[in-house]
Protein backbone atom coordinates (compact mmCIF):
# COMPACT_ATOMS: atom_id res chain seq x y z
CA ALA A 1 -75.07 -48.53 -11.50
CA ILE A 2 -75.13 -46.32 -8.39
CA MET A 3 -72.23 -46.43 -5.97
CA GLY A 4 -73.12 -46.42 -2.29
CA VAL A 5 -70.62 -46.39 0.58
CA PRO A 6 -72.79 -46.05 3.69
CA ALA A 7 -69.96 -46.51 6.17
CA HIS A 8 -68.04 -43.57 4.73
CA ASP A 9 -70.63 -41.16 3.31
CA GLN A 10 -73.14 -39.60 5.69
CA ARG A 11 -75.95 -39.39 3.15
CA ASP A 12 -75.46 -43.02 2.14
CA PHE A 13 -75.29 -43.95 5.83
CA GLU A 14 -78.63 -42.30 6.62
CA PHE A 15 -80.21 -43.95 3.56
CA ALA A 16 -78.87 -47.35 4.61
CA ARG A 17 -80.14 -47.00 8.17
CA LYS A 18 -83.59 -45.93 6.95
CA TYR A 19 -83.97 -48.93 4.65
CA ASP A 20 -82.04 -51.50 6.75
CA ILE A 21 -79.21 -51.87 4.25
CA PRO A 22 -76.08 -53.51 5.74
CA VAL A 23 -73.23 -51.10 6.47
CA LYS A 24 -69.79 -52.49 5.60
CA VAL A 25 -66.75 -50.73 7.03
CA VAL A 26 -63.82 -50.53 4.60
CA ILE A 27 -61.80 -47.80 6.37
CA GLN A 28 -60.97 -47.98 10.06
CA PRO A 29 -59.83 -44.93 12.09
CA ASN A 30 -56.31 -45.03 13.49
CA ASP A 31 -57.45 -44.93 17.11
CA GLU A 32 -60.56 -47.14 17.26
CA SER A 33 -62.38 -50.00 15.57
CA LEU A 34 -65.73 -49.34 13.89
CA ASP A 35 -68.54 -51.85 13.61
CA GLY A 36 -71.07 -51.33 10.81
CA VAL A 37 -73.87 -52.54 13.08
CA THR A 38 -73.24 -50.16 15.97
CA MET A 39 -71.67 -47.06 14.36
CA GLU A 40 -73.83 -43.94 14.70
CA HIS A 41 -72.52 -41.91 11.77
CA ALA A 42 -70.34 -42.33 8.71
CA PHE A 43 -66.57 -42.21 9.08
CA GLU A 44 -65.44 -39.82 6.34
CA ASP A 45 -61.80 -39.24 7.27
CA ASP A 46 -58.59 -40.98 6.25
CA GLY A 47 -57.69 -44.19 8.01
CA ILE A 48 -56.60 -47.79 7.45
CA THR A 49 -58.32 -49.89 4.77
CA CYS A 50 -60.06 -53.13 5.71
CA ASN A 51 -62.42 -55.54 3.96
CA SER A 52 -60.47 -54.60 0.83
CA GLY A 53 -58.67 -57.81 -0.05
CA SER A 54 -54.95 -57.42 -0.65
CA PHE A 55 -55.17 -53.71 0.14
CA ASP A 56 -56.08 -54.34 3.79
CA GLY A 57 -53.89 -52.48 6.25
CA LEU A 58 -52.83 -49.71 3.90
CA PRO A 59 -53.44 -46.05 4.81
CA THR A 60 -56.13 -44.68 2.49
CA ALA A 61 -53.65 -42.20 1.00
CA GLU A 62 -51.65 -45.20 -0.23
CA ALA A 63 -54.54 -47.58 -0.89
CA ILE A 64 -56.43 -45.40 -3.39
CA PRO A 65 -53.55 -44.92 -5.87
CA ALA A 66 -52.58 -48.58 -5.37
CA MET A 67 -56.12 -49.67 -6.29
CA ILE A 68 -56.06 -47.51 -9.41
CA GLU A 69 -52.67 -48.90 -10.40
CA TRP A 70 -53.94 -52.45 -9.89
CA GLY A 71 -56.97 -51.72 -12.07
CA VAL A 72 -54.72 -50.37 -14.81
CA GLU A 73 -52.55 -53.50 -14.62
CA GLN A 74 -55.62 -55.72 -14.81
CA GLY A 75 -56.77 -53.86 -17.91
CA PHE A 76 -60.26 -52.84 -16.78
CA CYS A 77 -59.56 -49.17 -16.12
CA SER A 78 -57.26 -46.33 -17.09
CA ARG A 79 -56.19 -43.04 -15.59
CA GLU A 80 -57.96 -39.98 -16.91
CA VAL A 81 -58.19 -36.34 -15.88
CA ASN A 82 -61.48 -34.64 -16.74
CA PHE A 83 -61.57 -30.87 -17.01
CA ARG A 84 -65.00 -29.31 -16.68
CA LEU A 85 -63.85 -25.76 -17.23
CA ARG A 86 -65.70 -23.55 -19.69
CA ASP A 87 -65.16 -19.99 -20.88
CA TRP A 88 -66.15 -17.52 -18.17
CA LEU A 89 -68.61 -14.88 -19.38
CA ILE A 90 -67.87 -11.98 -17.04
CA SER A 91 -70.27 -9.29 -18.33
CA ARG A 92 -73.35 -8.35 -16.29
CA GLN A 93 -76.18 -5.92 -17.08
CA ARG A 94 -76.14 -4.12 -13.76
CA TYR A 95 -74.68 -1.09 -12.07
CA TRP A 96 -72.70 -2.69 -9.25
CA GLY A 97 -69.49 -4.22 -10.49
CA ALA A 98 -66.18 -3.05 -11.94
CA PRO A 99 -66.56 -1.20 -15.29
CA ILE A 100 -65.14 -3.02 -18.29
CA PRO A 101 -62.37 -0.61 -19.48
CA VAL A 102 -63.02 -0.49 -23.23
CA VAL A 103 -64.41 2.13 -25.62
CA TYR A 104 -66.34 1.32 -28.81
CA CYS A 105 -65.41 3.49 -31.77
CA ASP A 106 -67.07 3.38 -35.24
CA CYS A 107 -63.66 3.94 -36.82
CA CYS A 108 -61.27 2.00 -34.57
CA GLY A 109 -63.50 -0.76 -33.20
CA ILE A 110 -62.90 -1.90 -29.62
CA VAL A 111 -60.22 0.25 -27.99
CA PRO A 112 -58.79 -0.42 -24.48
CA VAL A 113 -58.86 2.50 -22.06
CA PRO A 114 -55.24 3.74 -21.64
CA GLU A 115 -53.51 2.66 -18.44
CA ASP A 116 -53.08 6.25 -17.24
CA GLU A 117 -56.88 6.69 -17.34
CA LEU A 118 -57.56 3.69 -15.14
CA PRO A 119 -59.50 2.90 -13.11
CA VAL A 120 -62.77 3.73 -14.86
CA LEU A 121 -65.09 4.92 -12.09
CA LEU A 122 -68.83 4.38 -11.96
CA PRO A 123 -71.08 7.45 -11.86
CA ALA A 124 -72.11 8.48 -8.36
CA GLU A 125 -75.82 8.29 -9.19
CA VAL A 126 -77.65 6.12 -11.66
CA LYS A 127 -81.24 5.61 -12.78
CA ILE A 128 -82.47 2.05 -12.32
CA VAL A 129 -84.52 0.97 -15.35
CA GLU A 130 -86.70 -2.01 -16.14
CA GLY A 131 -86.29 -4.34 -19.06
CA GLY A 132 -82.98 -6.05 -18.30
CA LYS A 133 -80.70 -3.34 -19.69
CA SER A 134 -77.74 -2.05 -17.73
CA PRO A 135 -78.64 1.16 -15.83
CA LEU A 136 -75.43 2.67 -17.23
CA THR A 137 -77.04 2.85 -20.69
CA GLU A 138 -79.22 5.72 -19.37
CA ASP A 139 -76.28 7.85 -18.24
CA LYS A 140 -75.31 9.48 -21.54
CA GLU A 141 -72.72 11.76 -19.94
CA TRP A 142 -70.81 8.81 -18.53
CA LEU A 143 -71.39 6.64 -21.56
CA THR A 144 -70.11 9.07 -24.22
CA VAL A 145 -66.32 9.62 -24.33
CA PRO A 146 -63.70 10.38 -27.00
CA CYS A 147 -62.02 7.38 -28.59
CA PRO A 148 -58.58 7.01 -26.92
CA LYS A 149 -57.07 6.18 -30.31
CA CYS A 150 -58.56 8.68 -32.82
CA GLY A 151 -60.35 11.20 -30.60
CA LYS A 152 -63.71 10.85 -32.35
CA PRO A 153 -66.88 10.24 -30.30
CA GLY A 154 -66.94 6.79 -28.73
CA ARG A 155 -69.06 4.82 -26.28
CA ARG A 156 -68.06 3.07 -23.07
CA GLU A 157 -69.01 -0.54 -22.42
CA ALA A 158 -72.25 -0.37 -20.39
CA ASP A 159 -71.97 -3.88 -18.94
CA THR A 160 -69.99 -4.32 -15.74
CA MET A 161 -67.82 -7.21 -14.66
CA ASP A 162 -69.16 -10.12 -12.68
CA THR A 163 -68.61 -9.34 -8.99
CA PHE A 164 -66.68 -12.61 -8.79
CA ILE A 165 -63.88 -10.63 -10.46
CA CYS A 166 -63.44 -8.52 -7.33
CA SER A 167 -63.97 -11.35 -4.85
CA SER A 168 -61.34 -13.44 -6.64
CA TRP A 169 -58.42 -11.37 -5.39
CA TYR A 170 -59.62 -9.08 -2.57
CA PHE A 171 -57.45 -11.02 -0.10
CA PHE A 172 -54.36 -9.80 -1.97
CA ARG A 173 -55.57 -6.22 -1.64
CA TYR A 174 -56.18 -6.73 2.09
CA CYS A 175 -52.43 -7.28 2.51
CA SER A 176 -51.82 -3.61 1.62
CA ALA A 177 -55.21 -1.90 1.50
CA ARG A 178 -53.71 1.63 1.42
CA GLU A 179 -51.31 0.98 -1.47
CA ASP A 180 -51.90 3.67 -4.13
CA GLY A 181 -49.10 2.98 -6.57
CA ALA A 182 -49.91 -0.61 -7.51
CA VAL A 183 -52.61 -3.24 -7.43
CA PHE A 184 -51.03 -4.36 -4.14
CA ASN A 185 -47.64 -4.29 -2.44
CA VAL A 186 -45.64 -7.29 -3.62
CA ASP A 187 -43.55 -7.58 -0.44
CA GLU A 188 -46.65 -7.49 1.76
CA ALA A 189 -48.40 -10.07 -0.42
CA ASN A 190 -45.40 -12.38 -0.24
CA TYR A 191 -45.32 -11.98 3.54
CA TRP A 192 -49.02 -12.70 4.16
CA MET A 193 -50.15 -15.00 1.36
CA ALA A 194 -51.39 -17.69 1.12
CA VAL A 195 -54.41 -17.42 3.42
CA ASP A 196 -53.95 -19.96 6.23
CA GLN A 197 -57.63 -20.74 6.81
CA TYR A 198 -60.53 -20.00 4.47
CA ILE A 199 -64.06 -20.45 5.81
CA GLY A 200 -67.02 -20.18 3.46
CA GLY A 201 -70.18 -21.79 2.17
CA ILE A 202 -70.06 -24.85 -0.06
CA GLU A 203 -72.03 -22.89 -2.67
CA HIS A 204 -68.82 -21.03 -3.53
CA ALA A 205 -66.74 -24.14 -4.17
CA CYS A 206 -67.33 -24.40 -7.92
CA LEU A 207 -67.16 -20.69 -8.80
CA HIS A 208 -65.50 -18.29 -6.38
CA LEU A 209 -62.78 -20.71 -5.28
CA ILE A 210 -61.92 -21.68 -8.85
CA TYR A 211 -61.72 -18.04 -9.93
CA ALA A 212 -59.57 -17.24 -6.88
CA ARG A 213 -57.11 -19.90 -8.01
CA PHE A 214 -57.10 -18.43 -11.54
CA PHE A 215 -56.18 -14.99 -10.23
CA THR A 216 -53.55 -16.29 -7.81
CA LYS A 217 -51.76 -18.28 -10.51
CA PHE A 218 -52.04 -15.28 -12.85
CA PHE A 219 -50.43 -13.00 -10.25
CA ALA A 220 -47.71 -15.60 -9.66
CA ASP A 221 -46.98 -15.82 -13.39
CA LEU A 222 -46.60 -12.02 -13.45
CA GLY A 223 -44.14 -12.19 -10.57
CA LEU A 224 -46.47 -10.35 -8.19
CA CYS A 225 -46.47 -13.08 -5.55
CA HIS A 226 -44.76 -16.34 -4.67
CA ALA A 227 -47.93 -18.21 -3.69
CA ARG A 228 -49.56 -20.25 -6.43
CA GLU A 229 -52.55 -21.27 -4.32
CA PRO A 230 -54.73 -18.69 -2.54
CA PHE A 231 -55.80 -20.76 0.47
CA THR A 232 -53.88 -23.34 2.49
CA ASN A 233 -56.87 -24.83 4.33
CA LEU A 234 -60.55 -24.77 3.43
CA LEU A 235 -63.52 -25.24 5.76
CA THR A 236 -66.97 -25.15 4.18
CA GLN A 237 -69.59 -24.59 6.84
CA GLY A 238 -73.17 -25.81 6.63
CA MET A 239 -76.37 -23.81 6.96
CA VAL A 240 -78.71 -23.32 9.90
CA ILE A 241 -81.94 -25.25 9.36
CA LYS A 242 -85.23 -24.60 11.15
CA ASP A 243 -88.53 -26.35 10.51
CA GLY A 244 -86.92 -28.31 7.70
CA ALA A 245 -85.82 -25.27 5.69
CA LYS A 246 -82.82 -22.98 5.48
CA MET A 247 -83.18 -20.21 8.04
CA SER A 248 -83.87 -16.95 6.17
CA LYS A 249 -85.83 -13.74 6.55
CA SER A 250 -87.80 -14.45 3.38
CA LEU A 251 -89.18 -17.67 4.89
CA GLY A 252 -89.91 -16.00 8.21
CA ASN A 253 -88.22 -18.77 10.19
CA VAL A 254 -85.32 -16.82 11.67
CA VAL A 255 -84.48 -16.98 15.36
CA ASP A 256 -83.66 -13.69 17.07
CA PRO A 257 -80.35 -14.24 18.89
CA ASP A 258 -81.24 -11.48 21.35
CA GLU A 259 -84.08 -13.63 22.70
CA ILE A 260 -81.72 -16.54 23.36
CA ILE A 261 -79.07 -14.29 24.88
CA ASN A 262 -81.61 -12.58 27.14
CA THR A 263 -82.98 -15.94 28.30
CA TYR A 264 -79.88 -18.11 28.50
CA GLY A 265 -76.86 -15.85 27.92
CA ALA A 266 -74.38 -15.49 25.08
CA ASP A 267 -72.26 -18.44 26.21
CA THR A 268 -75.20 -20.83 25.92
CA ALA A 269 -75.97 -19.57 22.42
CA ARG A 270 -72.34 -20.00 21.34
CA LEU A 271 -72.04 -23.44 22.92
CA PHE A 272 -75.21 -24.78 21.29
CA ILE A 273 -74.21 -23.60 17.82
CA LEU A 274 -70.73 -25.12 18.15
CA PHE A 275 -71.93 -28.38 19.71
CA ALA A 276 -75.06 -29.10 17.67
CA ALA A 277 -73.23 -30.27 14.52
CA PRO A 278 -69.81 -30.39 12.87
CA PRO A 279 -69.06 -27.06 11.13
CA ALA A 280 -69.31 -28.63 7.68
CA ASN A 281 -72.81 -30.02 8.33
CA ASP A 282 -76.15 -28.25 8.40
CA LEU A 283 -77.30 -27.33 11.90
CA ASP A 284 -80.88 -28.16 12.89
CA TRP A 285 -82.04 -25.44 15.25
CA SER A 286 -83.54 -26.94 18.39
CA GLU A 287 -84.85 -25.25 21.52
CA ARG A 288 -84.17 -28.50 23.40
CA GLY A 289 -80.57 -28.33 22.21
CA VAL A 290 -80.25 -24.79 23.57
CA GLU A 291 -81.66 -25.94 26.91
CA GLY A 292 -79.20 -28.85 26.95
CA ALA A 293 -76.25 -26.51 26.44
CA ASN A 294 -77.54 -24.35 29.27
CA ARG A 295 -77.84 -27.36 31.60
CA PHE A 296 -74.23 -28.29 30.89
CA LEU A 297 -73.01 -24.79 31.78
CA ASN A 298 -75.10 -24.84 34.95
CA ARG A 299 -73.37 -28.10 35.92
CA VAL A 300 -69.96 -26.51 35.31
CA TRP A 301 -70.99 -23.56 37.48
CA ARG A 302 -72.14 -25.82 40.32
CA LEU A 303 -68.95 -27.89 40.15
CA VAL A 304 -66.85 -24.80 40.85
CA GLU A 305 -69.25 -23.03 43.21
CA GLU A 306 -69.69 -26.07 45.45
CA ASN A 307 -65.93 -26.61 45.70
CA ILE A 308 -64.61 -23.05 46.06
CA ALA A 309 -63.15 -23.69 49.52
CA LEU A 310 -61.46 -26.91 48.37
CA LEU A 311 -60.05 -25.31 45.23
CA SER A 312 -58.69 -22.34 47.17
CA SER A 313 -57.10 -24.55 49.83
CA VAL A 314 -54.87 -26.34 47.30
CA ARG A 315 -54.35 -23.43 44.92
CA GLU A 316 -50.58 -23.47 45.46
CA ARG A 317 -50.23 -27.25 45.83
CA PRO A 318 -48.86 -28.87 42.64
CA SER A 319 -50.69 -31.81 41.14
CA LEU A 320 -48.60 -34.97 41.32
CA PRO A 321 -47.19 -36.42 38.08
CA MET A 322 -48.56 -39.72 36.83
CA GLU A 323 -45.63 -41.81 38.02
CA ARG A 324 -46.26 -40.75 41.64
CA LEU A 325 -49.94 -41.70 41.62
CA SER A 326 -50.55 -45.13 43.11
CA GLU A 327 -54.34 -45.24 43.42
CA GLN A 328 -56.09 -46.35 40.24
CA ARG A 329 -58.89 -43.78 40.50
CA MET A 330 -56.32 -40.96 40.63
CA ARG A 331 -54.46 -42.42 37.66
CA ASP A 332 -57.72 -42.70 35.72
CA LEU A 333 -58.65 -39.07 36.38
CA LYS A 334 -55.13 -37.85 35.57
CA ARG A 335 -55.25 -39.73 32.26
CA LYS A 336 -58.73 -38.33 31.51
CA ILE A 337 -57.53 -34.77 32.14
CA HIS A 338 -54.59 -35.02 29.78
CA THR A 339 -56.30 -37.02 27.04
CA THR A 340 -58.91 -34.26 27.10
CA ILE A 341 -56.22 -31.61 26.56
CA ARG A 342 -54.73 -33.64 23.71
CA ASP A 343 -58.03 -34.40 22.00
CA VAL A 344 -59.61 -30.96 22.42
CA THR A 345 -56.44 -29.34 21.08
CA ARG A 346 -56.55 -31.61 18.03
CA ASP A 347 -60.29 -31.07 17.53
CA ILE A 348 -59.93 -27.29 17.57
CA ALA A 349 -56.59 -26.72 15.86
CA ASP A 350 -56.39 -29.57 13.35
CA GLU A 351 -59.81 -31.09 12.74
CA LYS A 352 -62.05 -28.03 13.30
CA GLN A 353 -64.52 -30.42 14.91
CA PHE A 354 -65.78 -28.15 17.67
CA ASN A 355 -68.73 -30.40 18.49
CA THR A 356 -66.46 -33.30 19.46
CA ALA A 357 -64.28 -30.94 21.50
CA VAL A 358 -67.34 -29.94 23.54
CA ALA A 359 -68.34 -33.60 23.89
CA ARG A 360 -64.91 -34.38 25.37
CA LEU A 361 -65.33 -31.54 27.88
CA MET A 362 -68.70 -32.98 28.87
CA GLU A 363 -66.96 -36.31 29.54
CA LEU A 364 -64.34 -34.57 31.67
CA LEU A 365 -67.09 -32.81 33.64
CA ASN A 366 -68.69 -36.20 34.33
CA ALA A 367 -65.36 -37.59 35.53
CA LEU A 368 -64.77 -34.62 37.84
CA SER A 369 -68.33 -34.69 39.19
CA SER A 370 -67.97 -38.33 40.25
CA PHE A 371 -64.52 -37.81 41.84
CA ARG A 372 -64.67 -37.14 45.58
CA PRO A 373 -61.30 -35.81 46.86
CA GLU A 374 -60.34 -37.12 50.30
CA THR A 375 -56.67 -36.10 50.58
CA ASP A 376 -54.69 -33.00 49.66
CA ASP A 377 -53.11 -34.81 46.71
CA GLU A 378 -56.54 -35.83 45.44
CA SER A 379 -57.77 -32.26 45.91
CA ALA A 380 -54.80 -30.92 43.93
CA LEU A 381 -55.58 -33.38 41.11
CA PHE A 382 -59.24 -32.33 41.22
CA ARG A 383 -58.16 -28.68 41.01
CA GLU A 384 -55.98 -29.49 38.00
CA GLY A 385 -58.99 -31.07 36.29
CA VAL A 386 -61.23 -28.08 36.98
CA ASP A 387 -58.55 -25.70 35.68
CA VAL A 388 -58.20 -27.72 32.47
CA LEU A 389 -61.98 -27.88 32.04
CA LEU A 390 -62.31 -24.10 32.31
CA ALA A 391 -59.27 -23.39 30.12
CA CYS A 392 -60.39 -25.69 27.31
CA LEU A 393 -63.98 -24.45 27.54
CA ASN A 394 -62.88 -20.80 27.46
CA PRO A 395 -62.78 -20.40 23.63
CA PHE A 396 -66.39 -21.61 23.48
CA CYS A 397 -67.79 -19.87 26.56
CA PRO A 398 -65.49 -16.98 27.53
CA HIS A 399 -67.80 -15.19 29.95
CA ILE A 400 -68.74 -17.96 32.36
CA THR A 401 -65.25 -19.50 32.33
CA GLU A 402 -63.58 -16.19 33.19
CA GLU A 403 -66.02 -15.72 36.06
CA LEU A 404 -65.47 -19.23 37.39
CA TRP A 405 -61.70 -18.89 36.95
CA SER A 406 -61.82 -15.88 39.25
CA LEU A 407 -64.14 -17.60 41.75
CA GLY A 408 -61.69 -20.49 41.91
CA GLY A 409 -59.01 -18.21 43.32
CA HIS A 410 -57.06 -17.22 40.20
CA LYS A 411 -55.86 -13.65 39.76
CA GLU A 412 -54.87 -13.80 36.08
CA THR A 413 -57.20 -13.42 33.10
CA LEU A 414 -57.82 -16.90 31.71
CA SER A 415 -57.83 -15.90 28.04
CA LYS A 416 -54.33 -14.40 28.38
CA LEU A 417 -52.77 -17.56 29.79
CA PRO A 418 -50.98 -20.22 27.72
CA TRP A 419 -53.03 -23.16 26.49
CA PRO A 420 -52.83 -26.23 28.78
CA GLU A 421 -49.97 -28.60 27.99
CA VAL A 422 -50.20 -32.37 27.86
CA GLU A 423 -48.17 -34.39 30.35
CA PRO A 424 -46.92 -37.25 28.11
CA SER A 425 -46.63 -39.77 30.95
CA ALA A 426 -50.30 -39.24 31.78
CA LEU A 427 -51.31 -40.53 28.34
CA GLU A 428 -49.64 -43.90 28.84
CA MET A 429 -52.20 -46.65 29.29
CA ASP A 430 -51.79 -49.47 31.80
CA SER A 431 -53.63 -51.77 29.40
CA VAL A 432 -55.25 -51.41 26.00
CA THR A 433 -57.96 -53.24 24.08
CA VAL A 434 -56.54 -54.61 20.84
CA VAL A 435 -58.80 -55.50 17.92
CA VAL A 436 -57.92 -58.76 16.17
CA GLN A 437 -59.05 -59.00 12.56
CA PHE A 438 -58.90 -61.72 9.95
CA ASN A 439 -58.97 -60.32 6.41
CA GLY A 440 -60.24 -57.03 7.78
CA LYS A 441 -63.15 -58.52 9.74
CA VAL A 442 -63.21 -58.12 13.52
CA ARG A 443 -62.95 -61.53 15.20
CA GLU A 444 -61.58 -60.80 18.67
CA LYS A 445 -61.04 -57.99 21.15
CA GLU A 446 -58.47 -58.66 23.86
CA ASP A 447 -56.79 -56.60 26.57
CA PHE A 448 -52.97 -56.49 26.58
CA PRO A 449 -50.37 -54.46 28.48
CA ALA A 450 -49.84 -51.09 26.81
CA GLY A 451 -46.64 -50.37 24.94
CA LEU A 452 -45.90 -53.82 23.53
CA SER A 453 -43.71 -53.87 20.43
CA LYS A 454 -45.15 -55.07 17.12
CA GLU A 455 -43.37 -58.40 17.44
CA GLU A 456 -44.45 -59.02 21.04
CA LEU A 457 -48.05 -57.99 20.38
CA GLN A 458 -48.24 -60.30 17.35
CA ALA A 459 -46.78 -63.17 19.36
CA ARG A 460 -49.31 -62.70 22.18
CA VAL A 461 -52.21 -62.51 19.73
CA PHE A 462 -51.06 -65.65 17.91
CA ALA A 463 -50.84 -67.42 21.28
CA LEU A 464 -54.55 -66.92 21.94
CA PRO A 465 -56.40 -70.27 21.65
CA SER A 466 -59.18 -68.71 19.56
CA VAL A 467 -56.64 -67.26 17.12
CA GLN A 468 -54.70 -70.53 16.89
CA LYS A 469 -57.92 -72.28 15.96
CA ARG A 470 -58.57 -69.80 13.13
CA LEU A 471 -55.03 -70.30 11.83
CA GLU A 472 -55.51 -74.03 11.36
CA GLY A 473 -55.43 -75.06 7.69
CA VAL A 474 -54.86 -71.54 6.29
CA GLU A 475 -51.84 -69.71 4.91
CA VAL A 476 -50.86 -66.43 6.56
CA VAL A 477 -50.17 -63.99 3.71
CA ARG A 478 -49.54 -60.88 5.76
CA VAL A 479 -49.87 -59.52 9.28
CA ILE A 480 -50.53 -55.83 9.89
CA VAL A 481 -49.82 -54.70 13.44
CA VAL A 482 -50.73 -51.28 14.80
CA PRO A 483 -49.27 -51.18 18.34
CA ASP A 484 -51.83 -50.82 21.13
CA LYS A 485 -54.67 -50.87 18.60
CA LEU A 486 -54.98 -53.57 16.00
CA VAL A 487 -53.66 -56.84 14.57
CA ASN A 488 -55.02 -57.75 11.14
CA VAL A 489 -54.14 -61.22 9.83
CA VAL A 490 -54.49 -61.63 6.06
CA VAL A 491 -54.96 -65.32 5.22
CA LYS A 492 -55.96 -67.52 2.32
CA GLY A 493 -57.08 -71.07 2.08
């Protein structure tokens, strides 16, 4: 049997779309409702379970252990932890790598190098030989040493340690790189460790990251650090793909960044790379994608350049808060500005989904481009939107945003200013679209006033004629209400 979950695994999703296999959603995001027919990519994050029988409405973090527990109770499964660890052979027949600090003696056997003679240093020069032997076997002067135990002639170990040994704890050494009296300074390690954000290739997940955990727990057991895990957050980035293959010099399919920078500028190159795909996915290099990023930045430039006089005229005029905006188009733009701040902040700081952050800024640009200010208050709101657009775009495209920030009449350096803050009242919706589900399947979508309590929202949903008809002749087992978003009615009969 092969398990396939196309709605929640991107590879399964692409396979299902190619061969017209139905996509069934079993996890819904917290802030929207997915449809297996219309969704464009797999939803791989945590959310609320649906189409899962009695587990409908549970957060996935609760649903998964509950499903396992139910399976145990039903007698068709059991809990089991599988360890796939094997002994780690660390010796390598090469020059680069830490020497293994032992001496072989015909009388004493294997003798550790005394602590006061550590570290064992590699020779400055070495002869590289063919045949698979360690180059150190050819350096007789380095190889031959007295036995530390009996003083008779002995022989160093010619193999060196796997370089994973060094990469498994270098981050501890970085905390006090100039420490000479110890492997690292304990106080400094306790101050800095664990690493807040680790970014690396997925190819390291089953070796380097495991070894790093070994070393960290070993150091903790020795009392050298408090941290028992080396990294708090992990982001595994994908590769850059061109012409269907990994971009590499050996394949001759590399793209010279200087050519792109000379043609389009560094900001365009940065924006394309960050927008083309989520960091964890492979990035398909596309000249059309580069051109698209450049067109977006040209639109941003024109938006500011064509409105310099307007922006300067209301530079000191404060933008009105949401509660003082009466016109719907002003309220809509105000809400768009502040939802953009909220969502871009979350995409960058929490989700590391830079591509969706850029997409939200593109949406804000569209909203600003279609807004034609006619009064001073509208102009001040427009200026607020332009300022937010430039500030949120600045981490992606620092050069053009700093230039436009200055053209817009600002004296300060944009990158030194605080990040934009969300105005909570601007996020409040006048009305919201609520998804109505029966046993996890979407049956209705209705607009209701925003901010209704769970009880009031449920009452209004149950008052809908279409819902009343579905309730005829069935027993309501449970009702899950997510305010402003979803009502899921679990029924039987």
